[in-house]
Amino acid sequence: MEMHPSIDKARSYLDIHLARPFAERPTTTGPFITISRESGTGGSLLAEEVTRRLNRLLHVDQPAWTIFNRDLVSRMLEDNHLSTSFARFLPEDKVSEIESSVGEIIGLHPSIWTMVHQTNSLMRRLATLGHAVVVGRGANFATIGSARGLHLRLVAASDQRARRTAQIRSLSYEQALAFNRKTDHARRDYVRSFFEADIDDPASYDLVVNMNHFTTASAADLVVAVLHSRDWIATSPPREAVITNS
């Protein structure tokens, strides 16, 4: 089966890191970034833009920054030798209790809680390896206690988010409003169910960005500036050591 390019990149990231001799593996955490987002704020696009900027600053001997988004669950299932068909049981919300219970009773899939725990463990491993941008799935809560992590929350007015969603998904404005409400509710439910936390609590993040006032590019500049201010990335790498994207 042909794999999505992002899954291939995620697989390569872990394979490269884990193939290194144990003595050469990182003993400190990060740096890494988590992005929590309201529906329609462009979290995935921001992750891509931040990653592009950070990879242009890399020294030759540094690993590339890699995004983990929808491919995160696929990698977890692969690591645990589980069928990728189980991904449908792990949307970024609370799985139907009836569907989950029936599946467990007749042995169709492992416990939902077990798979979420394994996904959380993978996110903590990514935090330790560093140079990872993890989007969604309560990544900031899963990596609590991990140093050198920058945790973002993207918000925006509902009308702006609806217009964006309508354009991206070819929906009417009213349909987009309903889609965003349903998606936001699902994400709140996921975080509440599996972390006993409030996804909207600003104290859970280092930076809450109101995308009403930022473009994707300017928000990416802000994120990179914060990483610079914490001395987590080089400020002026040698010209010959910069990796450029073709």
C-alpha atoms as a PDB file:
ATOM      1  CA  MET A   1       0.000   0.000   0.000  1.00  0.00           C
ATOM      2  CA  GLU A   2       1.324   3.419  -0.948  1.00  0.00           C
ATOM      3  CA  MET A   3       2.054   5.589   2.069  1.00  0.00           C
ATOM      4  CA  HIS A   4       1.255   9.298   2.335  1.00  0.00           C
ATOM      5  CA  PRO A   5       4.472  11.390   2.050  1.00  0.00           C
ATOM      6  CA  SER A   6       4.014  12.769   5.580  1.00  0.00           C
ATOM      7  CA  ILE A   7       3.911   9.226   6.968  1.00  0.00           C
ATOM      8  CA  ASP A   8       7.120   8.400   5.125  1.00  0.00           C
ATOM      9  CA  LYS A   9       8.772  11.509   6.614  1.00  0.00           C
ATOM     10  CA  ALA A  10       7.588  10.608  10.114  1.00  0.00           C
ATOM     11  CA  ARG A  11       8.835   7.054   9.713  1.00  0.00           C
ATOM     12  CA  SER A  12      12.214   8.252   8.433  1.00  0.00           C
ATOM     13  CA  TYR A  13      12.537  10.679  11.351  1.00  0.00           C
ATOM     14  CA  LEU A  14      12.154   7.929  13.960  1.00  0.00           C
ATOM     15  CA  ASP A  15      14.139   5.359  12.017  1.00  0.00           C
ATOM     16  CA  ILE A  16      17.101   7.743  11.731  1.00  0.00           C
ATOM     17  CA  HIS A  17      16.986   8.668  15.420  1.00  0.00           C
ATOM     18  CA  LEU A  18      16.504   5.140  16.727  1.00  0.00           C
ATOM     19  CA  ALA A  19      19.184   3.693  14.444  1.00  0.00           C
ATOM     20  CA  ARG A  20      21.811   5.816  16.183  1.00  0.00           C
ATOM     21  CA  PRO A  21      23.973   4.014  18.772  1.00  0.00           C
ATOM     22  CA  PHE A  22      22.489   4.285  22.248  1.00  0.00           C
ATOM     23  CA  ALA A  23      25.412   6.421  23.461  1.00  0.00           C
ATOM     24  CA  GLU A  24      24.682   8.951  20.707  1.00  0.00           C
ATOM     25  CA  ARG A  25      20.977   9.316  21.458  1.00  0.00           C
ATOM     26  CA  PRO A  26      19.868  12.536  23.166  1.00  0.00           C
ATOM     27  CA  THR A  27      19.994  12.594  26.941  1.00  0.00           C
ATOM     28  CA  THR A  28      18.034  15.836  27.185  1.00  0.00           C
ATOM     29  CA  THR A  29      14.589  16.700  25.893  1.00  0.00           C
ATOM     30  CA  GLY A  30      13.681  18.641  22.801  1.00  0.00           C
ATOM     31  CA  PRO A  31      13.412  21.168  21.512  1.00  0.00           C
ATOM     32  CA  PHE A  32       9.925  20.381  20.291  1.00  0.00           C
ATOM     33  CA  ILE A  33       6.672  22.201  19.538  1.00  0.00           C
ATOM     34  CA  THR A  34       3.052  21.239  20.181  1.00  0.00           C
ATOM     35  CA  ILE A  35       0.140  22.943  18.436  1.00  0.00           C
ATOM     36  CA  SER A  36      -3.405  22.876  19.779  1.00  0.00           C
ATOM     37  CA  ARG A  37      -5.938  24.656  17.609  1.00  0.00           C
ATOM     38  CA  GLU A  38      -9.526  25.681  17.210  1.00  0.00           C
ATOM     39  CA  SER A  39     -11.013  24.342  14.000  1.00  0.00           C
ATOM     40  CA  GLY A  40     -10.365  26.680  11.101  1.00  0.00           C
ATOM     41  CA  THR A  41      -7.248  28.390  12.490  1.00  0.00           C
ATOM     42  CA  GLY A  42      -4.786  26.665  10.165  1.00  0.00           C
ATOM     43  CA  GLY A  43      -2.762  24.619  12.633  1.00  0.00           C
ATOM     44  CA  SER A  44      -1.358  22.254  10.025  1.00  0.00           C
ATOM     45  CA  LEU A  45      -0.364  25.101   7.715  1.00  0.00           C
ATOM     46  CA  LEU A  46       1.399  26.852  10.581  1.00  0.00           C
ATOM     47  CA  ALA A  47       3.246  23.636  11.447  1.00  0.00           C
ATOM     48  CA  GLU A  48       4.447  23.384   7.843  1.00  0.00           C
ATOM     49  CA  GLU A  49       5.562  27.030   7.745  1.00  0.00           C
ATOM     50  CA  VAL A  50       7.388  26.828  11.084  1.00  0.00           C
ATOM     51  CA  THR A  51       9.107  23.618  10.000  1.00  0.00           C
ATOM     52  CA  ARG A  52      10.275  25.207   6.746  1.00  0.00           C
ATOM     53  CA  ARG A  53      11.754  28.164   8.614  1.00  0.00           C
ATOM     54  CA  LEU A  54      13.481  26.019  11.226  1.00  0.00           C
ATOM     55  CA  ASN A  55      14.970  23.637   8.679  1.00  0.00           C
ATOM     56  CA  ARG A  56      16.539  26.587   6.852  1.00  0.00           C
ATOM     57  CA  LEU A  57      18.433  27.393  10.074  1.00  0.00           C
ATOM     58  CA  LEU A  58      19.838  23.925  10.703  1.00  0.00           C
ATOM     59  CA  HIS A  59      23.500  23.088  10.948  1.00  0.00           C
ATOM     60  CA  VAL A  60      24.626  20.153   8.842  1.00  0.00           C
ATOM     61  CA  ASP A  61      24.866  17.770  11.800  1.00  0.00           C
ATOM     62  CA  GLN A  62      21.387  18.554  13.163  1.00  0.00           C
ATOM     63  CA  PRO A  63      18.313  16.394  12.444  1.00  0.00           C
ATOM     64  CA  ALA A  64      15.541  17.955  10.373  1.00  0.00           C
ATOM     65  CA  TRP A  65      12.411  19.243  12.059  1.00  0.00           C
ATOM     66  CA  THR A  66       9.495  16.926  11.258  1.00  0.00           C
ATOM     67  CA  ILE A  67       5.708  17.349  11.559  1.00  0.00           C
ATOM     68  CA  PHE A  68       3.564  14.718  13.274  1.00  0.00           C
ATOM     69  CA  ASN A  69      -0.115  15.258  12.562  1.00  0.00           C
ATOM     70  CA  ARG A  70      -2.501  12.666  11.106  1.00  0.00           C
ATOM     71  CA  ASP A  71       0.469  10.336  10.591  1.00  0.00           C
ATOM     72  CA  LEU A  72       1.062  10.123  14.372  1.00  0.00           C
ATOM     73  CA  VAL A  73      -1.498   7.364  14.926  1.00  0.00           C
ATOM     74  CA  SER A  74      -0.303   5.469  11.842  1.00  0.00           C
ATOM     75  CA  ARG A  75       3.221   5.442  13.260  1.00  0.00           C
ATOM     76  CA  MET A  76       1.977   4.293  16.680  1.00  0.00           C
ATOM     77  CA  LEU A  77       0.023   1.422  15.097  1.00  0.00           C
ATOM     78  CA  GLU A  78       3.055   0.431  13.044  1.00  0.00           C
ATOM     79  CA  ASP A  79       5.332   0.507  16.098  1.00  0.00           C
ATOM     80  CA  ASN A  80       2.933  -1.780  17.963  1.00  0.00           C
ATOM     81  CA  HIS A  81       2.370  -4.113  14.995  1.00  0.00           C
ATOM     82  CA  LEU A  82      -1.300  -3.201  14.720  1.00  0.00           C
ATOM     83  CA  SER A  83      -3.356  -2.856  11.562  1.00  0.00           C
ATOM     84  CA  THR A  84      -3.675   0.687  10.230  1.00  0.00           C
ATOM     85  CA  SER A  85      -7.416  -0.021   9.994  1.00  0.00           C
ATOM     86  CA  PHE A  86      -7.530   0.653  13.754  1.00  0.00           C
ATOM     87  CA  ALA A  87      -6.908   4.343  13.023  1.00  0.00           C
ATOM     88  CA  ARG A  88     -10.659   4.811  12.584  1.00  0.00           C
ATOM     89  CA  PHE A  89     -11.106   4.005  16.280  1.00  0.00           C
ATOM     90  CA  LEU A  90      -8.794   6.884  17.242  1.00  0.00           C
ATOM     91  CA  PRO A  91     -10.192  10.126  15.887  1.00  0.00           C
ATOM     92  CA  GLU A  92      -9.197  13.208  17.841  1.00  0.00           C
ATOM     93  CA  ASP A  93     -12.267  12.907  20.002  1.00  0.00           C
ATOM     94  CA  LYS A  94     -13.845  10.392  22.364  1.00  0.00           C
ATOM     95  CA  VAL A  95     -14.571   7.182  20.503  1.00  0.00           C
ATOM     96  CA  SER A  96     -18.153   5.962  20.717  1.00  0.00           C
ATOM     97  CA  GLU A  97     -18.411   3.981  23.950  1.00  0.00           C
ATOM     98  CA  ILE A  98     -20.714   1.424  22.325  1.00  0.00           C
ATOM     99  CA  GLU A  99     -18.472   0.949  19.287  1.00  0.00           C
ATOM    100  CA  SER A 100     -15.400   0.704  21.494  1.00  0.00           C
ATOM    101  CA  SER A 101     -16.949  -1.756  23.967  1.00  0.00           C
ATOM    102  CA  VAL A 102     -18.331  -4.048  21.274  1.00  0.00           C
ATOM    103  CA  GLY A 103     -14.992  -4.077  19.502  1.00  0.00           C
ATOM    104  CA  GLU A 104     -13.140  -5.013  22.667  1.00  0.00           C
ATOM    105  CA  ILE A 105     -15.660  -7.700  23.625  1.00  0.00           C
ATOM    106  CA  ILE A 106     -15.370  -9.536  20.303  1.00  0.00           C
ATOM    107  CA  GLY A 107     -11.651  -8.896  19.998  1.00  0.00           C
ATOM    108  CA  LEU A 108     -11.619  -6.568  17.003  1.00  0.00           C
ATOM    109  CA  HIS A 109      -9.090  -4.175  18.463  1.00  0.00           C
ATOM    110  CA  PRO A 110      -7.063  -3.489  21.597  1.00  0.00           C
ATOM    111  CA  SER A 111      -8.484  -1.265  24.296  1.00  0.00           C
ATOM    112  CA  ILE A 112      -9.032   2.310  23.121  1.00  0.00           C
ATOM    113  CA  TRP A 113      -7.369   3.462  26.327  1.00  0.00           C
ATOM    114  CA  THR A 114      -4.351   1.276  25.549  1.00  0.00           C
ATOM    115  CA  MET A 115      -3.988   2.738  22.062  1.00  0.00           C
ATOM    116  CA  VAL A 116      -4.310   6.294  23.368  1.00  0.00           C
ATOM    117  CA  HIS A 117      -1.686   5.492  26.018  1.00  0.00           C
ATOM    118  CA  GLN A 118       0.630   4.184  23.313  1.00  0.00           C
ATOM    119  CA  THR A 119       0.059   7.327  21.235  1.00  0.00           C
ATOM    120  CA  ASN A 120       0.874   9.468  24.269  1.00  0.00           C
ATOM    121  CA  SER A 121       4.040   7.436  24.843  1.00  0.00           C
ATOM    122  CA  LEU A 122       5.069   8.073  21.244  1.00  0.00           C
ATOM    123  CA  MET A 123       4.556  11.822  21.718  1.00  0.00           C
ATOM    124  CA  ARG A 124       6.759  11.762  24.822  1.00  0.00           C
ATOM    125  CA  ARG A 125       9.401   9.901  22.835  1.00  0.00           C
ATOM    126  CA  LEU A 126       9.227  12.565  20.130  1.00  0.00           C
ATOM    127  CA  ALA A 127       9.685  15.232  22.813  1.00  0.00           C
ATOM    128  CA  THR A 128      12.850  13.501  23.976  1.00  0.00           C
ATOM    129  CA  LEU A 129      14.227  13.087  20.466  1.00  0.00           C
ATOM    130  CA  GLY A 130      13.443  16.725  19.671  1.00  0.00           C
ATOM    131  CA  HIS A 131      13.021  18.627  16.411  1.00  0.00           C
ATOM    132  CA  ALA A 132       9.379  17.530  16.241  1.00  0.00           C
ATOM    133  CA  VAL A 133       6.224  19.582  15.678  1.00  0.00           C
ATOM    134  CA  VAL A 134       3.218  17.668  17.020  1.00  0.00           C
ATOM    135  CA  VAL A 135      -0.246  18.876  16.022  1.00  0.00           C
ATOM    136  CA  GLY A 136      -3.297  18.030  18.107  1.00  0.00           C
ATOM    137  CA  ARG A 137      -4.145  14.977  20.254  1.00  0.00           C
ATOM    138  CA  GLY A 138      -3.501  16.838  23.496  1.00  0.00           C
ATOM    139  CA  ALA A 139       0.247  16.765  22.826  1.00  0.00           C
ATOM    140  CA  ASN A 140       0.918  19.539  25.342  1.00  0.00           C
ATOM    141  CA  PHE A 141      -0.793  17.507  28.061  1.00  0.00           C
ATOM    142  CA  ALA A 142       0.917  14.258  27.019  1.00  0.00           C
ATOM    143  CA  THR A 143       4.345  15.912  27.286  1.00  0.00           C
ATOM    144  CA  ILE A 144       3.822  17.736  30.598  1.00  0.00           C
ATOM    145  CA  GLY A 145       7.120  17.683  32.454  1.00  0.00           C
ATOM    146  CA  SER A 146       9.217  17.438  29.280  1.00  0.00           C
ATOM    147  CA  ALA A 147      11.667  20.309  29.103  1.00  0.00           C
ATOM    148  CA  ARG A 148      12.336  22.488  26.045  1.00  0.00           C
ATOM    149  CA  GLY A 149       8.846  22.245  24.637  1.00  0.00           C
ATOM    150  CA  LEU A 150       6.976  25.242  23.203  1.00  0.00           C
ATOM    151  CA  HIS A 151       3.213  24.737  23.535  1.00  0.00           C
ATOM    152  CA  LEU A 152       0.935  26.780  21.252  1.00  0.00           C
ATOM    153  CA  ARG A 153      -2.820  27.300  21.166  1.00  0.00           C
ATOM    154  CA  LEU A 154      -4.368  28.866  18.052  1.00  0.00           C
ATOM    155  CA  VAL A 155      -7.692  30.695  18.377  1.00  0.00           C
ATOM    156  CA  ALA A 156      -9.743  33.046  16.208  1.00  0.00           C
ATOM    157  CA  ALA A 157     -13.226  34.541  15.933  1.00  0.00           C
ATOM    158  CA  SER A 158     -15.849  32.028  14.841  1.00  0.00           C
ATOM    159  CA  ASP A 159     -16.792  33.961  11.699  1.00  0.00           C
ATOM    160  CA  GLN A 160     -13.200  34.094  10.446  1.00  0.00           C
ATOM    161  CA  ARG A 161     -12.726  30.399  11.151  1.00  0.00           C
ATOM    162  CA  ALA A 162     -15.979  29.583   9.369  1.00  0.00           C
ATOM    163  CA  ARG A 163     -14.944  31.502   6.276  1.00  0.00           C
ATOM    164  CA  ARG A 164     -11.630  29.674   6.202  1.00  0.00           C
ATOM    165  CA  THR A 165     -13.242  26.267   6.666  1.00  0.00           C
ATOM    166  CA  ALA A 166     -15.879  27.032   4.029  1.00  0.00           C
ATOM    167  CA  GLN A 167     -13.176  27.860   1.512  1.00  0.00           C
ATOM    168  CA  ILE A 168     -10.972  24.863   2.293  1.00  0.00           C
ATOM    169  CA  ARG A 169     -13.785  22.299   2.442  1.00  0.00           C
ATOM    170  CA  SER A 170     -16.110  23.820  -0.168  1.00  0.00           C
ATOM    171  CA  LEU A 171     -18.899  24.278   2.372  1.00  0.00           C
ATOM    172  CA  SER A 172     -21.487  26.985   2.839  1.00  0.00           C
ATOM    173  CA  TYR A 173     -20.851  29.445   5.647  1.00  0.00           C
ATOM    174  CA  GLU A 174     -23.519  27.805   7.837  1.00  0.00           C
ATOM    175  CA  GLN A 175     -22.147  24.345   7.131  1.00  0.00           C
ATOM    176  CA  ALA A 176     -18.661  25.539   8.029  1.00  0.00           C
ATOM    177  CA  LEU A 177     -19.903  26.995  11.329  1.00  0.00           C
ATOM    178  CA  ALA A 178     -21.512  23.660  12.175  1.00  0.00           C
ATOM    179  CA  PHE A 179     -18.392  21.730  11.145  1.00  0.00           C
ATOM    180  CA  ASN A 180     -16.167  23.886  13.368  1.00  0.00           C
ATOM    181  CA  ARG A 181     -18.517  23.572  16.342  1.00  0.00           C
ATOM    182  CA  LYS A 182     -18.601  19.785  15.999  1.00  0.00           C
ATOM    183  CA  THR A 183     -14.823  19.515  15.572  1.00  0.00           C
ATOM    184  CA  ASP A 184     -14.058  21.796  18.519  1.00  0.00           C
ATOM    185  CA  HIS A 185     -16.480  19.855  20.713  1.00  0.00           C
ATOM    186  CA  ALA A 186     -14.809  16.588  19.697  1.00  0.00           C
ATOM    187  CA  ARG A 187     -11.341  17.896  20.529  1.00  0.00           C
ATOM    188  CA  ARG A 188     -12.477  19.226  23.906  1.00  0.00           C
ATOM    189  CA  ASP A 189     -14.052  15.846  24.629  1.00  0.00           C
ATOM    190  CA  TYR A 190     -10.869  13.985  23.657  1.00  0.00           C
ATOM    191  CA  VAL A 191      -8.708  16.077  26.003  1.00  0.00           C
ATOM    192  CA  ARG A 192     -11.273  15.917  28.807  1.00  0.00           C
ATOM    193  CA  SER A 193     -11.673  12.138  28.439  1.00  0.00           C
ATOM    194  CA  PHE A 194      -8.034  11.133  28.185  1.00  0.00           C
ATOM    195  CA  PHE A 195      -6.223  13.874  30.139  1.00  0.00           C
ATOM    196  CA  GLU A 196      -8.931  15.195  32.485  1.00  0.00           C
ATOM    197  CA  ALA A 197      -8.004  18.661  31.285  1.00  0.00           C
ATOM    198  CA  ASP A 198      -9.616  21.705  29.660  1.00  0.00           C
ATOM    199  CA  ILE A 199      -8.296  22.291  26.156  1.00  0.00           C
ATOM    200  CA  ASP A 200      -9.332  25.977  26.372  1.00  0.00           C
ATOM    201  CA  ASP A 201      -7.369  26.740  29.556  1.00  0.00           C
ATOM    202  CA  PRO A 202      -4.750  29.335  28.487  1.00  0.00           C
ATOM    203  CA  ALA A 203      -2.528  28.356  31.410  1.00  0.00           C
ATOM    204  CA  SER A 204      -1.862  25.058  29.616  1.00  0.00           C
ATOM    205  CA  TYR A 205       0.088  26.832  26.858  1.00  0.00           C
ATOM    206  CA  ASP A 206       3.190  28.966  26.527  1.00  0.00           C
ATOM    207  CA  LEU A 207       1.682  31.047  23.754  1.00  0.00           C
ATOM    208  CA  VAL A 208      -1.944  31.623  22.719  1.00  0.00           C
ATOM    209  CA  VAL A 209      -2.042  33.140  19.223  1.00  0.00           C
ATOM    210  CA  ASN A 210      -5.160  34.928  17.993  1.00  0.00           C
ATOM    211  CA  MET A 211      -5.079  34.180  14.272  1.00  0.00           C
ATOM    212  CA  ASN A 212      -7.436  37.112  13.642  1.00  0.00           C
ATOM    213  CA  HIS A 213      -4.317  39.257  13.911  1.00  0.00           C
ATOM    214  CA  PHE A 214      -1.682  37.023  12.297  1.00  0.00           C
ATOM    215  CA  THR A 215      -1.077  35.514   8.906  1.00  0.00           C
ATOM    216  CA  THR A 216       0.438  32.046   8.793  1.00  0.00           C
ATOM    217  CA  ALA A 217       3.772  33.631   7.881  1.00  0.00           C
ATOM    218  CA  SER A 218       3.767  36.211  10.684  1.00  0.00           C
ATOM    219  CA  ALA A 219       2.684  33.583  13.237  1.00  0.00           C
ATOM    220  CA  ALA A 220       5.567  31.366  12.081  1.00  0.00           C
ATOM    221  CA  ASP A 221       7.961  34.309  12.522  1.00  0.00           C
ATOM    222  CA  LEU A 222       6.650  34.732  16.069  1.00  0.00           C
ATOM    223  CA  VAL A 223       7.191  31.054  16.918  1.00  0.00           C
ATOM    224  CA  VAL A 224      10.736  31.058  15.553  1.00  0.00           C
ATOM    225  CA  ALA A 225      11.478  34.275  17.479  1.00  0.00           C
ATOM    226  CA  VAL A 226      10.337  32.647  20.729  1.00  0.00           C
ATOM    227  CA  LEU A 227      12.587  29.649  20.081  1.00  0.00           C
ATOM    228  CA  HIS A 228      15.462  32.047  19.404  1.00  0.00           C
ATOM    229  CA  SER A 229      14.760  33.891  22.662  1.00  0.00           C
ATOM    230  CA  ARG A 230      15.034  30.625  24.583  1.00  0.00           C
ATOM    231  CA  ASP A 231      18.316  29.726  22.865  1.00  0.00           C
ATOM    232  CA  TRP A 232      16.812  26.500  21.543  1.00  0.00           C
ATOM    233  CA  ILE A 233      17.895  27.130  17.964  1.00  0.00           C
ATOM    234  CA  ALA A 234      20.995  28.717  16.466  1.00  0.00           C
ATOM    235  CA  THR A 235      20.656  32.412  15.708  1.00  0.00           C
ATOM    236  CA  SER A 236      23.178  32.669  12.877  1.00  0.00           C
ATOM    237  CA  PRO A 237      24.346  29.311  11.464  1.00  0.00           C
ATOM    238  CA  PRO A 238      27.279  29.359   9.039  1.00  0.00           C
ATOM    239  CA  ARG A 239      26.146  29.938   5.473  1.00  0.00           C
ATOM    240  CA  GLU A 240      27.491  26.588   4.271  1.00  0.00           C
ATOM    241  CA  ALA A 241      25.643  24.789   7.069  1.00  0.00           C
ATOM    242  CA  VAL A 242      22.160  25.962   6.116  1.00  0.00           C
ATOM    243  CA  ILE A 243      19.784  23.400   4.661  1.00  0.00           C
ATOM    244  CA  THR A 244      17.548  24.856   1.972  1.00  0.00           C
ATOM    245  CA  ASN A 245      14.344  23.418   0.599  1.00  0.00           C
ATOM    246  CA  SER A 246      14.088  23.002  -3.129  1.00  0.00           C
END
